[in-house]
Amino acid sequence: MNVKDLKVGCQTFTWEMLGDRFPGGPDDLLKAIADGGYSGIEITDTMIGHYAGKPAEFAAALKSCGLTLVSFAFGSDSGFTLREEIGADLEAARRWIDFASAFPGALVSMGSATVVSDGPRDDKFAIAAEVYNRAGELGRKAGVQVAVHPSSHHNTLLFDRADYDRIFALLDPDLVGWVPDTGHILRGHKDMADTLRTYRDRIRYIHLKDVDARGTWAMLGKGVCDTPAVIEIAGTAPRFNGWLVLEEESETAAADPAGAVKTNRQTMRSYGA
């Protein structure tokens, strides 16, 4: 894939991480992301607000801002690792898959398996894999691709390369794709490029963000992420849909989220995207 063919979206977690300090709603996010120069959005169950259950209204709002829904992302208080919550987690997956099915090409991204209880790690990997695979089956029936988004956040089950190897060995690659997140990979892995290449066949789209050498979040291009290498590898991934979704969690974004994501979009232009 030529770098000029890449599409650049924005993830709404940049605002979500502010918690009560962000007083706005989904329409404010759409405006800020469109004004920032993006063509797509990945929104979460936390930030969808009054559009939850109203895909037609959300589609109209997206159209008015010139935005495409790249993916709908959701997580669970269960961390997808509690057997007694599998039914509830799959019901949530079904609900958001149905929502995403109204948007051609949109995916559903499921958050990182997370440790929320005592017990053997083997059991938690098995439960998470069951949830992800069964959600993938629901997605296939609805014509919506489902993907998993590992993270490096507190108590994640999917932190280092051994964790990635373990969960991917349990997932059906035809049912569950991968949303690699460059920042999270760099925080837990010695070689981001090797991880991306090893599992390139699973890549559906990419979360692009940066960290410094200590693993602290940094503005795109200000850390150690080799963005040209990411773009090069993505271009060889057979199921990559062309979307780079920028997400910003640095202190700069905490102070001015709209300004930070606009700066990151300008940075991407320097890479040709």
C-alpha atoms as a PDB file:
ATOM      1  CA  MET A   1       0.000   0.000   0.000  1.00  0.00           C
ATOM      2  CA  ASN A   2       1.298   3.429  -0.947  1.00  0.00           C
ATOM      3  CA  VAL A   3       1.620   5.865   1.931  1.00  0.00           C
ATOM      4  CA  LYS A   4      -0.612   8.288   0.036  1.00  0.00           C
ATOM      5  CA  ASP A   5      -3.398   5.698   0.212  1.00  0.00           C
ATOM      6  CA  LEU A   6      -3.399   5.669   4.009  1.00  0.00           C
ATOM      7  CA  LYS A   7      -6.386   7.101   5.842  1.00  0.00           C
ATOM      8  CA  VAL A   8      -5.962   8.874   9.173  1.00  0.00           C
ATOM      9  CA  GLY A   9      -8.493   8.647  11.990  1.00  0.00           C
ATOM     10  CA  CYS A  10      -8.596   9.778  15.611  1.00  0.00           C
ATOM     11  CA  GLN A  11      -9.467   7.847  18.769  1.00  0.00           C
ATOM     12  CA  THR A  12     -11.663   9.554  21.345  1.00  0.00           C
ATOM     13  CA  PHE A  13      -9.765   8.225  24.394  1.00  0.00           C
ATOM     14  CA  THR A  14      -7.732  11.445  24.304  1.00  0.00           C
ATOM     15  CA  TRP A  15     -10.809  13.113  25.777  1.00  0.00           C
ATOM     16  CA  GLU A  16     -12.082  10.111  27.716  1.00  0.00           C
ATOM     17  CA  MET A  17      -8.938  10.041  29.876  1.00  0.00           C
ATOM     18  CA  LEU A  18      -9.857  13.508  31.195  1.00  0.00           C
ATOM     19  CA  GLY A  19     -12.874  12.088  33.004  1.00  0.00           C
ATOM     20  CA  ASP A  20     -15.030  14.787  34.577  1.00  0.00           C
ATOM     21  CA  ARG A  21     -12.640  17.447  33.292  1.00  0.00           C
ATOM     22  CA  PHE A  22     -14.174  16.991  29.833  1.00  0.00           C
ATOM     23  CA  PRO A  23     -17.654  18.537  30.033  1.00  0.00           C
ATOM     24  CA  GLY A  24     -18.600  17.961  26.410  1.00  0.00           C
ATOM     25  CA  GLY A  25     -20.346  15.217  24.478  1.00  0.00           C
ATOM     26  CA  PRO A  26     -19.975  13.264  21.250  1.00  0.00           C
ATOM     27  CA  ASP A  27     -20.833  16.212  19.006  1.00  0.00           C
ATOM     28  CA  ASP A  28     -17.944  18.167  20.501  1.00  0.00           C
ATOM     29  CA  LEU A  29     -15.647  15.229  19.707  1.00  0.00           C
ATOM     30  CA  LEU A  30     -16.810  15.052  16.105  1.00  0.00           C
ATOM     31  CA  LYS A  31     -16.200  18.768  15.613  1.00  0.00           C
ATOM     32  CA  ALA A  32     -12.743  18.716  17.221  1.00  0.00           C
ATOM     33  CA  ILE A  33     -11.663  15.680  15.200  1.00  0.00           C
ATOM     34  CA  ALA A  34     -12.978  17.064  11.916  1.00  0.00           C
ATOM     35  CA  ASP A  35     -11.404  20.457  12.635  1.00  0.00           C
ATOM     36  CA  GLY A  36      -8.151  18.647  13.378  1.00  0.00           C
ATOM     37  CA  GLY A  37      -7.990  17.423   9.797  1.00  0.00           C
ATOM     38  CA  TYR A  38      -8.981  13.788  10.291  1.00  0.00           C
ATOM     39  CA  SER A  39     -11.206  11.773   7.989  1.00  0.00           C
ATOM     40  CA  GLY A  40     -12.211   9.048  10.454  1.00  0.00           C
ATOM     41  CA  ILE A  41     -13.058   8.416  14.077  1.00  0.00           C
ATOM     42  CA  GLU A  42     -12.866   5.537  16.496  1.00  0.00           C
ATOM     43  CA  ILE A  43     -15.323   6.128  19.308  1.00  0.00           C
ATOM     44  CA  THR A  44     -15.850   4.188  22.525  1.00  0.00           C
ATOM     45  CA  ASP A  45     -18.861   2.971  24.453  1.00  0.00           C
ATOM     46  CA  THR A  46     -17.981   5.551  27.112  1.00  0.00           C
ATOM     47  CA  MET A  47     -17.998   8.479  24.679  1.00  0.00           C
ATOM     48  CA  ILE A  48     -20.859   7.595  22.305  1.00  0.00           C
ATOM     49  CA  GLY A  49     -23.291   9.351  24.666  1.00  0.00           C
ATOM     50  CA  HIS A  50     -26.773  10.060  23.354  1.00  0.00           C
ATOM     51  CA  TYR A  51     -26.042   8.273  20.068  1.00  0.00           C
ATOM     52  CA  ALA A  52     -25.958   4.857  21.749  1.00  0.00           C
ATOM     53  CA  GLY A  53     -28.678   2.765  20.126  1.00  0.00           C
ATOM     54  CA  LYS A  54     -29.202   5.441  17.455  1.00  0.00           C
ATOM     55  CA  PRO A  55     -26.901   4.506  14.563  1.00  0.00           C
ATOM     56  CA  ALA A  56     -28.905   6.434  11.971  1.00  0.00           C
ATOM     57  CA  GLU A  57     -28.571   9.651  13.965  1.00  0.00           C
ATOM     58  CA  PHE A  58     -24.874   9.051  14.508  1.00  0.00           C
ATOM     59  CA  ALA A  59     -24.395   8.377  10.797  1.00  0.00           C
ATOM     60  CA  ALA A  60     -26.023  11.724  10.005  1.00  0.00           C
ATOM     61  CA  ALA A  61     -23.780  13.500  12.511  1.00  0.00           C
ATOM     62  CA  LEU A  62     -20.689  11.856  11.019  1.00  0.00           C
ATOM     63  CA  LYS A  63     -21.725  12.823   7.508  1.00  0.00           C
ATOM     64  CA  SER A  64     -22.239  16.437   8.510  1.00  0.00           C
ATOM     65  CA  CYS A  65     -18.644  16.500   9.783  1.00  0.00           C
ATOM     66  CA  GLY A  66     -17.185  14.595   6.846  1.00  0.00           C
ATOM     67  CA  LEU A  67     -16.097  11.694   9.058  1.00  0.00           C
ATOM     68  CA  THR A  68     -16.113   7.894   8.649  1.00  0.00           C
ATOM     69  CA  LEU A  69     -16.612   5.489  11.554  1.00  0.00           C
ATOM     70  CA  VAL A  70     -13.441   3.396  11.532  1.00  0.00           C
ATOM     71  CA  SER A  71     -14.275   1.325  14.584  1.00  0.00           C
ATOM     72  CA  PHE A  72     -16.388   1.141  17.707  1.00  0.00           C
ATOM     73  CA  ALA A  73     -14.334   0.219  20.779  1.00  0.00           C
ATOM     74  CA  PHE A  74     -15.623  -1.188  24.029  1.00  0.00           C
ATOM     75  CA  GLY A  75     -14.297  -2.740  27.209  1.00  0.00           C
ATOM     76  CA  SER A  76     -15.781  -4.426  30.260  1.00  0.00           C
ATOM     77  CA  ASP A  77     -15.417  -4.201  34.026  1.00  0.00           C
ATOM     78  CA  SER A  78     -14.871  -7.962  33.843  1.00  0.00           C
ATOM     79  CA  GLY A  79     -11.642  -7.453  31.922  1.00  0.00           C
ATOM     80  CA  PHE A  80     -13.053 -10.228  29.707  1.00  0.00           C
ATOM     81  CA  THR A  81     -11.556 -12.666  32.248  1.00  0.00           C
ATOM     82  CA  LEU A  82     -14.485 -13.543  34.544  1.00  0.00           C
ATOM     83  CA  ARG A  83     -16.310 -16.724  33.560  1.00  0.00           C
ATOM     84  CA  GLU A  84     -19.524 -15.632  35.263  1.00  0.00           C
ATOM     85  CA  GLU A  85     -19.579 -12.495  33.078  1.00  0.00           C
ATOM     86  CA  ILE A  86     -19.086 -14.173  29.702  1.00  0.00           C
ATOM     87  CA  GLY A  87     -22.798 -13.945  28.900  1.00  0.00           C
ATOM     88  CA  ALA A  88     -22.969 -10.241  29.738  1.00  0.00           C
ATOM     89  CA  ASP A  89     -19.777  -9.518  27.800  1.00  0.00           C
ATOM     90  CA  LEU A  90     -21.105 -11.306  24.726  1.00  0.00           C
ATOM     91  CA  GLU A  91     -24.391  -9.445  24.992  1.00  0.00           C
ATOM     92  CA  ALA A  92     -22.453  -6.169  25.004  1.00  0.00           C
ATOM     93  CA  ALA A  93     -20.475  -7.387  21.993  1.00  0.00           C
ATOM     94  CA  ARG A  94     -23.714  -8.218  20.187  1.00  0.00           C
ATOM     95  CA  ARG A  95     -25.144  -4.782  20.956  1.00  0.00           C
ATOM     96  CA  TRP A  96     -22.130  -2.895  19.607  1.00  0.00           C
ATOM     97  CA  ILE A  97     -21.721  -5.210  16.625  1.00  0.00           C
ATOM     98  CA  ASP A  98     -25.328  -4.459  15.699  1.00  0.00           C
ATOM     99  CA  PHE A  99     -24.561  -0.738  16.045  1.00  0.00           C
ATOM    100  CA  ALA A 100     -21.412  -0.962  13.909  1.00  0.00           C
ATOM    101  CA  SER A 101     -23.205  -2.979  11.239  1.00  0.00           C
ATOM    102  CA  ALA A 102     -24.957   0.235  10.166  1.00  0.00           C
ATOM    103  CA  PHE A 103     -21.591   1.664   9.072  1.00  0.00           C
ATOM    104  CA  PRO A 104     -19.992  -0.033   6.045  1.00  0.00           C
ATOM    105  CA  GLY A 105     -16.486  -1.220   6.834  1.00  0.00           C
ATOM    106  CA  ALA A 106     -16.593  -0.284  10.521  1.00  0.00           C
ATOM    107  CA  LEU A 107     -15.031  -2.736  12.962  1.00  0.00           C
ATOM    108  CA  VAL A 108     -15.649  -3.510  16.610  1.00  0.00           C
ATOM    109  CA  SER A 109     -12.543  -3.331  18.784  1.00  0.00           C
ATOM    110  CA  MET A 110     -12.548  -5.179  22.105  1.00  0.00           C
ATOM    111  CA  GLY A 111     -10.307  -3.922  24.883  1.00  0.00           C
ATOM    112  CA  SER A 112      -7.401  -5.708  26.480  1.00  0.00           C
ATOM    113  CA  ALA A 113      -7.974  -8.722  28.677  1.00  0.00           C
ATOM    114  CA  THR A 114      -7.315  -7.521  32.222  1.00  0.00           C
ATOM    115  CA  VAL A 115      -6.734  -9.161  35.600  1.00  0.00           C
ATOM    116  CA  VAL A 116      -9.616  -8.193  37.908  1.00  0.00           C
ATOM    117  CA  SER A 117      -9.665 -11.243  40.221  1.00  0.00           C
ATOM    118  CA  ASP A 118      -7.430 -13.804  41.878  1.00  0.00           C
ATOM    119  CA  GLY A 119      -6.696 -17.109  40.193  1.00  0.00           C
ATOM    120  CA  PRO A 120      -4.382 -18.736  37.641  1.00  0.00           C
ATOM    121  CA  ARG A 121      -3.322 -16.708  34.608  1.00  0.00           C
ATOM    122  CA  ASP A 122      -3.934 -19.733  32.377  1.00  0.00           C
ATOM    123  CA  ASP A 123      -7.618 -19.614  33.246  1.00  0.00           C
ATOM    124  CA  LYS A 124      -7.813 -15.908  32.451  1.00  0.00           C
ATOM    125  CA  PHE A 125      -6.238 -16.361  29.024  1.00  0.00           C
ATOM    126  CA  ALA A 126      -8.679 -19.176  28.279  1.00  0.00           C
ATOM    127  CA  ILE A 127     -11.711 -17.108  29.317  1.00  0.00           C
ATOM    128  CA  ALA A 128     -10.571 -14.057  27.350  1.00  0.00           C
ATOM    129  CA  ALA A 129      -9.951 -16.164  24.260  1.00  0.00           C
ATOM    130  CA  GLU A 130     -13.413 -17.711  24.562  1.00  0.00           C
ATOM    131  CA  VAL A 131     -15.026 -14.279  24.766  1.00  0.00           C
ATOM    132  CA  TYR A 132     -13.014 -12.883  21.857  1.00  0.00           C
ATOM    133  CA  ASN A 133     -13.634 -15.914  19.625  1.00  0.00           C
ATOM    134  CA  ARG A 134     -17.346 -16.054  20.367  1.00  0.00           C
ATOM    135  CA  ALA A 135     -17.644 -12.321  19.763  1.00  0.00           C
ATOM    136  CA  GLY A 136     -15.843 -12.894  16.461  1.00  0.00           C
ATOM    137  CA  GLU A 137     -18.485 -15.435  15.531  1.00  0.00           C
ATOM    138  CA  LEU A 138     -21.197 -12.884  16.297  1.00  0.00           C
ATOM    139  CA  GLY A 139     -19.367 -10.381  14.135  1.00  0.00           C
ATOM    140  CA  ARG A 140     -19.045 -12.772  11.218  1.00  0.00           C
ATOM    141  CA  LYS A 141     -22.790 -13.424  11.256  1.00  0.00           C
ATOM    142  CA  ALA A 142     -23.446  -9.676  11.191  1.00  0.00           C
ATOM    143  CA  GLY A 143     -20.792  -8.879   8.589  1.00  0.00           C
ATOM    144  CA  VAL A 144     -18.677  -6.914  11.075  1.00  0.00           C
ATOM    145  CA  GLN A 145     -15.017  -7.647  11.745  1.00  0.00           C
ATOM    146  CA  VAL A 146     -14.035  -7.958  15.402  1.00  0.00           C
ATOM    147  CA  ALA A 147     -10.513  -7.242  16.639  1.00  0.00           C
ATOM    148  CA  VAL A 148      -8.661  -7.234  19.954  1.00  0.00           C
ATOM    149  CA  HIS A 149      -6.706  -4.242  21.242  1.00  0.00           C
ATOM    150  CA  PRO A 150      -4.026  -5.260  23.781  1.00  0.00           C
ATOM    151  CA  SER A 151      -2.851  -2.525  26.120  1.00  0.00           C
ATOM    152  CA  SER A 152      -0.140  -1.791  28.658  1.00  0.00           C
ATOM    153  CA  HIS A 153      -2.454  -0.221  31.201  1.00  0.00           C
ATOM    154  CA  HIS A 154      -2.753  -1.324  34.830  1.00  0.00           C
ATOM    155  CA  ASN A 155      -3.273  -5.072  35.336  1.00  0.00           C
ATOM    156  CA  THR A 156      -3.460  -5.848  31.629  1.00  0.00           C
ATOM    157  CA  LEU A 157      -3.107  -9.538  30.810  1.00  0.00           C
ATOM    158  CA  LEU A 158      -1.613  -8.656  27.426  1.00  0.00           C
ATOM    159  CA  PHE A 159       1.545  -6.686  28.199  1.00  0.00           C
ATOM    160  CA  ASP A 160       4.704  -8.298  26.842  1.00  0.00           C
ATOM    161  CA  ARG A 161       5.568 -10.419  23.829  1.00  0.00           C
ATOM    162  CA  ALA A 162       4.982 -13.677  25.694  1.00  0.00           C
ATOM    163  CA  ASP A 163       1.433 -12.507  26.459  1.00  0.00           C
ATOM    164  CA  TYR A 164       0.811 -11.666  22.801  1.00  0.00           C
ATOM    165  CA  ASP A 165       2.125 -15.063  21.717  1.00  0.00           C
ATOM    166  CA  ARG A 166      -0.122 -16.737  24.261  1.00  0.00           C
ATOM    167  CA  ILE A 167      -3.392 -15.001  23.376  1.00  0.00           C
ATOM    168  CA  PHE A 168      -2.843 -15.206  19.623  1.00  0.00           C
ATOM    169  CA  ALA A 169      -2.258 -18.958  19.908  1.00  0.00           C
ATOM    170  CA  LEU A 170      -5.780 -19.197  21.343  1.00  0.00           C
ATOM    171  CA  LEU A 171      -7.548 -16.914  18.870  1.00  0.00           C
ATOM    172  CA  ASP A 172      -9.001 -17.904  15.494  1.00  0.00           C
ATOM    173  CA  PRO A 173      -7.319 -15.428  13.099  1.00  0.00           C
ATOM    174  CA  ASP A 174     -10.317 -15.576  10.778  1.00  0.00           C
ATOM    175  CA  LEU A 175     -12.676 -14.561  13.581  1.00  0.00           C
ATOM    176  CA  VAL A 176     -10.594 -12.130  15.621  1.00  0.00           C
ATOM    177  CA  GLY A 177      -8.241  -9.550  14.170  1.00  0.00           C
ATOM    178  CA  TRP A 178      -5.636  -7.409  15.890  1.00  0.00           C
ATOM    179  CA  VAL A 179      -5.454  -3.671  16.456  1.00  0.00           C
ATOM    180  CA  PRO A 180      -1.771  -3.176  17.237  1.00  0.00           C
ATOM    181  CA  ASP A 181      -1.092  -0.084  19.328  1.00  0.00           C
ATOM    182  CA  THR A 182       2.441   1.161  18.839  1.00  0.00           C
ATOM    183  CA  GLY A 183       2.612   2.927  22.194  1.00  0.00           C
ATOM    184  CA  HIS A 184       1.388  -0.056  24.173  1.00  0.00           C
ATOM    185  CA  ILE A 185       3.695  -2.428  22.302  1.00  0.00           C
ATOM    186  CA  LEU A 186       6.707  -0.214  22.980  1.00  0.00           C
ATOM    187  CA  ARG A 187       5.901  -0.127  26.693  1.00  0.00           C
ATOM    188  CA  GLY A 188       5.949  -3.911  26.984  1.00  0.00           C
ATOM    189  CA  HIS A 189       8.103  -5.227  24.142  1.00  0.00           C
ATOM    190  CA  LYS A 190      11.731  -5.001  23.175  1.00  0.00           C
ATOM    191  CA  ASP A 191      11.111  -5.028  19.438  1.00  0.00           C
ATOM    192  CA  MET A 192       7.921  -3.443  18.129  1.00  0.00           C
ATOM    193  CA  ALA A 193       8.794  -4.090  14.479  1.00  0.00           C
ATOM    194  CA  ASP A 194       9.316  -7.808  15.072  1.00  0.00           C
ATOM    195  CA  THR A 195       5.969  -8.076  16.863  1.00  0.00           C
ATOM    196  CA  LEU A 196       4.197  -6.319  14.001  1.00  0.00           C
ATOM    197  CA  ARG A 197       5.887  -8.468  11.379  1.00  0.00           C
ATOM    198  CA  THR A 198       5.269 -11.732  13.233  1.00  0.00           C
ATOM    199  CA  TYR A 199       1.538 -11.106  13.450  1.00  0.00           C
ATOM    200  CA  ARG A 200       1.050  -8.938  10.371  1.00  0.00           C
ATOM    201  CA  ASP A 201      -1.608 -11.309   8.985  1.00  0.00           C
ATOM    202  CA  ARG A 202      -3.849 -10.419  11.925  1.00  0.00           C
ATOM    203  CA  ILE A 203      -3.588  -6.627  11.580  1.00  0.00           C
ATOM    204  CA  ARG A 204      -6.883  -4.957  10.675  1.00  0.00           C
ATOM    205  CA  TYR A 205      -5.993  -1.313  11.400  1.00  0.00           C
ATOM    206  CA  ILE A 206      -3.400   0.382  13.599  1.00  0.00           C
ATOM    207  CA  HIS A 207      -3.389   2.615  16.678  1.00  0.00           C
ATOM    208  CA  LEU A 208      -0.449   4.949  16.282  1.00  0.00           C
ATOM    209  CA  LYS A 209       1.010   6.745  19.269  1.00  0.00           C
ATOM    210  CA  ASP A 210       4.373   7.430  20.828  1.00  0.00           C
ATOM    211  CA  VAL A 211       6.313   6.981  24.068  1.00  0.00           C
ATOM    212  CA  ASP A 212       9.734   8.104  25.222  1.00  0.00           C
ATOM    213  CA  ALA A 213      12.545   5.724  26.162  1.00  0.00           C
ATOM    214  CA  ARG A 214      11.095   5.339  29.672  1.00  0.00           C
ATOM    215  CA  GLY A 215       7.671   4.379  28.375  1.00  0.00           C
ATOM    216  CA  THR A 216       6.051   7.726  29.185  1.00  0.00           C
ATOM    217  CA  TRP A 217       3.443   8.883  26.673  1.00  0.00           C
ATOM    218  CA  ALA A 218       4.774  11.415  24.185  1.00  0.00           C
ATOM    219  CA  MET A 219       3.374  13.398  21.292  1.00  0.00           C
ATOM    220  CA  LEU A 220       3.674  11.624  17.960  1.00  0.00           C
ATOM    221  CA  GLY A 221       7.183  11.987  16.567  1.00  0.00           C
ATOM    222  CA  LYS A 222       8.605  13.122  19.915  1.00  0.00           C
ATOM    223  CA  GLY A 223       9.333   9.622  21.245  1.00  0.00           C
ATOM    224  CA  VAL A 224      10.918   6.379  20.118  1.00  0.00           C
ATOM    225  CA  CYS A 225       8.196   5.078  17.796  1.00  0.00           C
ATOM    226  CA  ASP A 226       9.588   4.435  14.309  1.00  0.00           C
ATOM    227  CA  THR A 227       6.523   5.613  12.409  1.00  0.00           C
ATOM    228  CA  PRO A 228       7.984   5.067   8.905  1.00  0.00           C
ATOM    229  CA  ALA A 229       8.712   1.434   9.855  1.00  0.00           C
ATOM    230  CA  VAL A 230       5.123   1.004  11.100  1.00  0.00           C
ATOM    231  CA  ILE A 231       3.796   2.388   7.830  1.00  0.00           C
ATOM    232  CA  GLU A 232       6.093   0.107   5.825  1.00  0.00           C
ATOM    233  CA  ILE A 233       5.018  -3.024   7.716  1.00  0.00           C
ATOM    234  CA  ALA A 234       1.341  -2.077   7.524  1.00  0.00           C
ATOM    235  CA  GLY A 235       1.668  -1.863   3.773  1.00  0.00           C
ATOM    236  CA  THR A 236       2.554  -5.564   3.655  1.00  0.00           C
ATOM    237  CA  ALA A 237      -0.246  -6.725   5.970  1.00  0.00           C
ATOM    238  CA  PRO A 238      -2.831  -8.570   3.834  1.00  0.00           C
ATOM    239  CA  ARG A 239      -5.899  -7.597   5.908  1.00  0.00           C
ATOM    240  CA  PHE A 240      -4.857  -4.051   6.828  1.00  0.00           C
ATOM    241  CA  ASN A 241      -7.716  -1.741   5.825  1.00  0.00           C
ATOM    242  CA  GLY A 242      -5.607   1.377   5.372  1.00  0.00           C
ATOM    243  CA  TRP A 243      -6.580   3.206   8.562  1.00  0.00           C
ATOM    244  CA  LEU A 244      -4.041   4.652  10.962  1.00  0.00           C
ATOM    245  CA  VAL A 245      -5.918   5.783  14.072  1.00  0.00           C
ATOM    246  CA  LEU A 246      -4.008   8.341  16.104  1.00  0.00           C
ATOM    247  CA  GLU A 247      -4.507   8.329  19.856  1.00  0.00           C
ATOM    248  CA  GLU A 248      -2.830  10.740  22.253  1.00  0.00           C
ATOM    249  CA  GLU A 249      -2.379  10.188  25.997  1.00  0.00           C
ATOM    250  CA  SER A 250       0.480  12.581  26.794  1.00  0.00           C
ATOM    251  CA  GLU A 251       0.414  15.461  29.260  1.00  0.00           C
ATOM    252  CA  THR A 252       0.193  17.785  26.274  1.00  0.00           C
ATOM    253  CA  ALA A 253      -3.115  16.182  25.327  1.00  0.00           C
ATOM    254  CA  ALA A 254      -4.365  16.342  28.901  1.00  0.00           C
ATOM    255  CA  ALA A 255      -3.873  20.106  28.804  1.00  0.00           C
ATOM    256  CA  ASP A 256      -5.313  20.678  25.314  1.00  0.00           C
ATOM    257  CA  PRO A 257      -6.761  17.561  23.669  1.00  0.00           C
ATOM    258  CA  ALA A 258      -8.072  19.272  20.536  1.00  0.00           C
ATOM    259  CA  GLY A 259      -4.794  21.080  20.003  1.00  0.00           C
ATOM    260  CA  ALA A 260      -2.749  17.931  20.581  1.00  0.00           C
ATOM    261  CA  VAL A 261      -4.645  15.784  18.092  1.00  0.00           C
ATOM    262  CA  LYS A 262      -4.460  18.586  15.523  1.00  0.00           C
ATOM    263  CA  THR A 263      -0.675  18.727  15.970  1.00  0.00           C
ATOM    264  CA  ASN A 264      -0.433  14.955  15.559  1.00  0.00           C
ATOM    265  CA  ARG A 265      -2.381  15.156  12.316  1.00  0.00           C
ATOM    266  CA  GLN A 266       0.106  17.720  11.053  1.00  0.00           C
ATOM    267  CA  THR A 267       2.939  15.403  12.085  1.00  0.00           C
ATOM    268  CA  MET A 268       1.417  12.581  10.031  1.00  0.00           C
ATOM    269  CA  ARG A 269       1.474  14.810   6.982  1.00  0.00           C
ATOM    270  CA  SER A 270       5.243  15.025   7.349  1.00  0.00           C
ATOM    271  CA  TYR A 271       5.279  11.250   6.835  1.00  0.00           C
ATOM    272  CA  GLY A 272       3.172  11.631   3.714  1.00  0.00           C
ATOM    273  CA  ALA A 273      -0.155  10.488   5.159  1.00  0.00           C
END
